Amino acid sequence: MEGHYPVLPFVLIATFISFVCILEIGFGLFFEITGGMSYKIMRIWAKVIFVTTCVYALSILSIAIYMLAGLMAR
């Protein structure tokens, strides 16, 4: 098929990203309801969110480059 490229890896990445997002929001709500988190946990949490945000950005960028390459190949 002309212009056909595998979509599965991107579906898996998107599923993983949304799963991690839901986990992060869930943990955030849990800590809010239970009366906030300690300073140490807060620092670790900030790092976790920073790293996952970087991963999201990189995966979205790679998807965009991949699709652009697929369009250029036509």
N, C-alpha and C. Protein backbone atom coordinates (compact mmCIF):
# COMPACT_ATOMS: atom_id res chain seq x y z
N MET A 1 0.84 -1.20 0.00
CA MET A 1 0.00 0.00 0.00
C MET A 1 0.87 1.25 0.00
N GLU A 2 0.49 2.19 -0.84
CA GLU A 2 1.27 3.42 -0.95
C GLU A 2 0.97 4.34 0.24
N GLY A 3 2.03 4.90 0.81
CA GLY A 3 1.86 5.82 1.93
C GLY A 3 1.43 5.15 3.22
N HIS A 4 1.63 3.83 3.28
CA HIS A 4 1.21 3.09 4.48
C HIS A 4 2.38 2.98 5.44
N TYR A 5 2.16 3.37 6.69
CA TYR A 5 3.19 3.17 7.71
C TYR A 5 2.53 2.69 8.99
N PRO A 6 3.29 1.93 9.81
CA PRO A 6 2.69 1.29 10.99
C PRO A 6 2.14 2.30 11.99
N VAL A 7 0.93 2.10 12.42
CA VAL A 7 0.26 3.01 13.35
C VAL A 7 0.33 2.44 14.78
N LEU A 8 0.51 1.13 14.88
CA LEU A 8 0.46 0.45 16.19
C LEU A 8 1.38 1.05 17.25
N PRO A 9 2.67 1.32 16.94
CA PRO A 9 3.52 1.89 17.99
C PRO A 9 2.96 3.18 18.56
N PHE A 10 2.35 4.00 17.71
CA PHE A 10 1.82 5.28 18.16
C PHE A 10 0.55 5.10 18.97
N VAL A 11 -0.24 4.11 18.61
CA VAL A 11 -1.43 3.79 19.40
C VAL A 11 -1.01 3.34 20.80
N LEU A 12 0.04 2.50 20.85
CA LEU A 12 0.54 2.03 22.14
C LEU A 12 1.09 3.18 22.98
N ILE A 13 1.86 4.07 22.33
CA ILE A 13 2.42 5.23 23.04
C ILE A 13 1.30 6.10 23.59
N ALA A 14 0.29 6.38 22.76
CA ALA A 14 -0.83 7.23 23.17
C ALA A 14 -1.59 6.60 24.34
N THR A 15 -1.80 5.28 24.28
CA THR A 15 -2.48 4.57 25.36
C THR A 15 -1.68 4.67 26.65
N PHE A 16 -0.36 4.47 26.54
CA PHE A 16 0.51 4.55 27.71
C PHE A 16 0.48 5.95 28.32
N ILE A 17 0.56 6.98 27.45
CA ILE A 17 0.55 8.37 27.92
C ILE A 17 -0.75 8.68 28.66
N SER A 18 -1.89 8.29 28.07
CA SER A 18 -3.17 8.58 28.73
C SER A 18 -3.29 7.82 30.05
N PHE A 19 -2.76 6.59 30.09
CA PHE A 19 -2.78 5.80 31.32
C PHE A 19 -1.97 6.49 32.42
N VAL A 20 -0.76 6.97 32.07
CA VAL A 20 0.09 7.66 33.04
C VAL A 20 -0.56 8.96 33.50
N CYS A 21 -1.20 9.68 32.56
CA CYS A 21 -1.92 10.92 32.90
C CYS A 21 -2.99 10.64 33.95
N ILE A 22 -3.80 9.61 33.72
CA ILE A 22 -4.87 9.25 34.65
C ILE A 22 -4.28 8.89 36.01
N LEU A 23 -3.16 8.14 36.01
CA LEU A 23 -2.50 7.78 37.27
C LEU A 23 -2.05 9.02 38.02
N GLU A 24 -1.41 9.96 37.29
CA GLU A 24 -0.91 11.19 37.92
C GLU A 24 -2.05 12.00 38.52
N ILE A 25 -3.13 12.16 37.76
CA ILE A 25 -4.28 12.93 38.26
C ILE A 25 -4.87 12.23 39.49
N GLY A 26 -4.98 10.89 39.41
CA GLY A 26 -5.51 10.11 40.53
C GLY A 26 -4.69 10.28 41.79
N PHE A 27 -3.36 10.17 41.65
CA PHE A 27 -2.48 10.36 42.81
C PHE A 27 -2.59 11.77 43.36
N GLY A 28 -2.64 12.76 42.47
CA GLY A 28 -2.78 14.15 42.89
C GLY A 28 -4.04 14.37 43.71
N LEU A 29 -5.16 13.83 43.21
CA LEU A 29 -6.43 13.95 43.93
C LEU A 29 -6.37 13.23 45.27
N PHE A 30 -5.75 12.04 45.28
CA PHE A 30 -5.63 11.27 46.52
C PHE A 30 -4.88 12.07 47.58
N PHE A 31 -3.76 12.70 47.17
CA PHE A 31 -2.98 13.48 48.12
C PHE A 31 -3.75 14.72 48.59
N GLU A 32 -4.52 15.32 47.68
CA GLU A 32 -5.32 16.49 48.06
C GLU A 32 -6.38 16.11 49.09
N ILE A 33 -7.06 14.98 48.86
CA ILE A 33 -8.15 14.55 49.74
C ILE A 33 -7.59 14.15 51.11
N THR A 34 -6.43 13.48 51.12
CA THR A 34 -5.88 12.99 52.39
C THR A 34 -5.15 14.08 53.17
N GLY A 35 -5.25 15.33 52.74
CA GLY A 35 -4.70 16.44 53.52
C GLY A 35 -3.32 16.89 53.07
N GLY A 36 -3.07 16.78 51.78
CA GLY A 36 -1.79 17.28 51.26
C GLY A 36 -0.65 16.31 51.49
N MET A 37 0.47 16.56 50.83
CA MET A 37 1.62 15.68 50.93
C MET A 37 2.78 16.40 51.59
N SER A 38 3.71 15.62 52.10
CA SER A 38 4.87 16.21 52.75
C SER A 38 5.78 16.84 51.69
N TYR A 39 6.70 17.68 52.15
CA TYR A 39 7.60 18.40 51.24
C TYR A 39 8.45 17.43 50.42
N LYS A 40 8.91 16.33 51.07
CA LYS A 40 9.76 15.35 50.39
C LYS A 40 9.00 14.69 49.24
N ILE A 41 7.78 14.25 49.52
CA ILE A 41 6.95 13.61 48.49
C ILE A 41 6.66 14.61 47.38
N MET A 42 6.42 15.87 47.75
CA MET A 42 6.12 16.90 46.78
C MET A 42 7.27 17.07 45.79
N ARG A 43 8.51 17.07 46.30
CA ARG A 43 9.67 17.22 45.43
C ARG A 43 9.80 16.05 44.47
N ILE A 44 9.60 14.83 44.99
CA ILE A 44 9.66 13.63 44.15
C ILE A 44 8.57 13.70 43.09
N TRP A 45 7.36 14.11 43.51
CA TRP A 45 6.22 14.21 42.61
C TRP A 45 6.48 15.19 41.48
N ALA A 46 7.10 16.35 41.83
CA ALA A 46 7.43 17.35 40.82
C ALA A 46 8.39 16.77 39.79
N LYS A 47 9.36 15.97 40.24
CA LYS A 47 10.31 15.33 39.31
C LYS A 47 9.59 14.34 38.41
N VAL A 48 8.69 13.55 39.00
CA VAL A 48 7.93 12.55 38.22
C VAL A 48 7.14 13.25 37.12
N ILE A 49 6.43 14.32 37.47
CA ILE A 49 5.62 15.04 36.50
C ILE A 49 6.51 15.67 35.42
N PHE A 50 7.66 16.22 35.82
CA PHE A 50 8.59 16.82 34.86
C PHE A 50 9.08 15.79 33.85
N VAL A 51 9.51 14.63 34.34
CA VAL A 51 10.03 13.57 33.47
C VAL A 51 8.95 13.08 32.51
N THR A 52 7.74 12.82 33.03
CA THR A 52 6.67 12.31 32.16
C THR A 52 6.28 13.36 31.12
N THR A 53 6.30 14.64 31.51
CA THR A 53 5.99 15.71 30.55
C THR A 53 7.02 15.72 29.43
N CYS A 54 8.30 15.56 29.79
CA CYS A 54 9.36 15.49 28.77
C CYS A 54 9.14 14.30 27.84
N VAL A 55 8.75 13.16 28.41
CA VAL A 55 8.50 11.97 27.60
C VAL A 55 7.33 12.21 26.65
N TYR A 56 6.25 12.85 27.14
CA TYR A 56 5.11 13.16 26.28
C TYR A 56 5.57 14.02 25.11
N ALA A 57 6.32 15.08 25.41
CA ALA A 57 6.77 16.02 24.38
C ALA A 57 7.61 15.30 23.34
N LEU A 58 8.54 14.46 23.78
CA LEU A 58 9.40 13.73 22.86
C LEU A 58 8.60 12.76 21.99
N SER A 59 7.64 12.06 22.59
CA SER A 59 6.86 11.09 21.81
C SER A 59 5.97 11.80 20.80
N ILE A 60 5.39 12.93 21.18
CA ILE A 60 4.56 13.70 20.24
C ILE A 60 5.42 14.22 19.10
N LEU A 61 6.64 14.70 19.44
CA LEU A 61 7.57 15.20 18.43
C LEU A 61 7.96 14.08 17.47
N SER A 62 8.25 12.88 18.01
CA SER A 62 8.65 11.76 17.16
C SER A 62 7.51 11.33 16.24
N ILE A 63 6.27 11.36 16.76
CA ILE A 63 5.11 11.03 15.93
C ILE A 63 4.99 12.04 14.79
N ALA A 64 5.15 13.33 15.11
CA ALA A 64 5.05 14.38 14.09
C ALA A 64 6.12 14.20 13.02
N ILE A 65 7.37 13.94 13.44
CA ILE A 65 8.47 13.75 12.48
C ILE A 65 8.20 12.52 11.62
N TYR A 66 7.73 11.45 12.23
CA TYR A 66 7.45 10.20 11.52
C TYR A 66 6.37 10.41 10.46
N MET A 67 5.29 11.12 10.83
CA MET A 67 4.21 11.38 9.88
C MET A 67 4.68 12.30 8.77
N LEU A 68 5.52 13.28 9.12
CA LEU A 68 6.08 14.19 8.12
C LEU A 68 6.93 13.40 7.13
N ALA A 69 7.74 12.47 7.65
CA ALA A 69 8.59 11.63 6.79
C ALA A 69 7.72 10.77 5.88
N GLY A 70 6.60 10.27 6.43
CA GLY A 70 5.67 9.47 5.63
C GLY A 70 5.06 10.28 4.50
N LEU A 71 4.76 11.56 4.77
CA LEU A 71 4.19 12.43 3.73
C LEU A 71 5.24 12.80 2.69
N MET A 72 6.48 13.03 3.14
CA MET A 72 7.56 13.40 2.22
C MET A 72 7.90 12.25 1.27
N ALA A 73 7.74 11.02 1.75
CA ALA A 73 8.10 9.84 0.96
C ALA A 73 7.16 9.64 -0.23
N ARG A 74 6.00 10.28 -0.18
CA ARG A 74 5.02 10.06 -1.24
C ARG A 74 5.47 10.59 -2.57
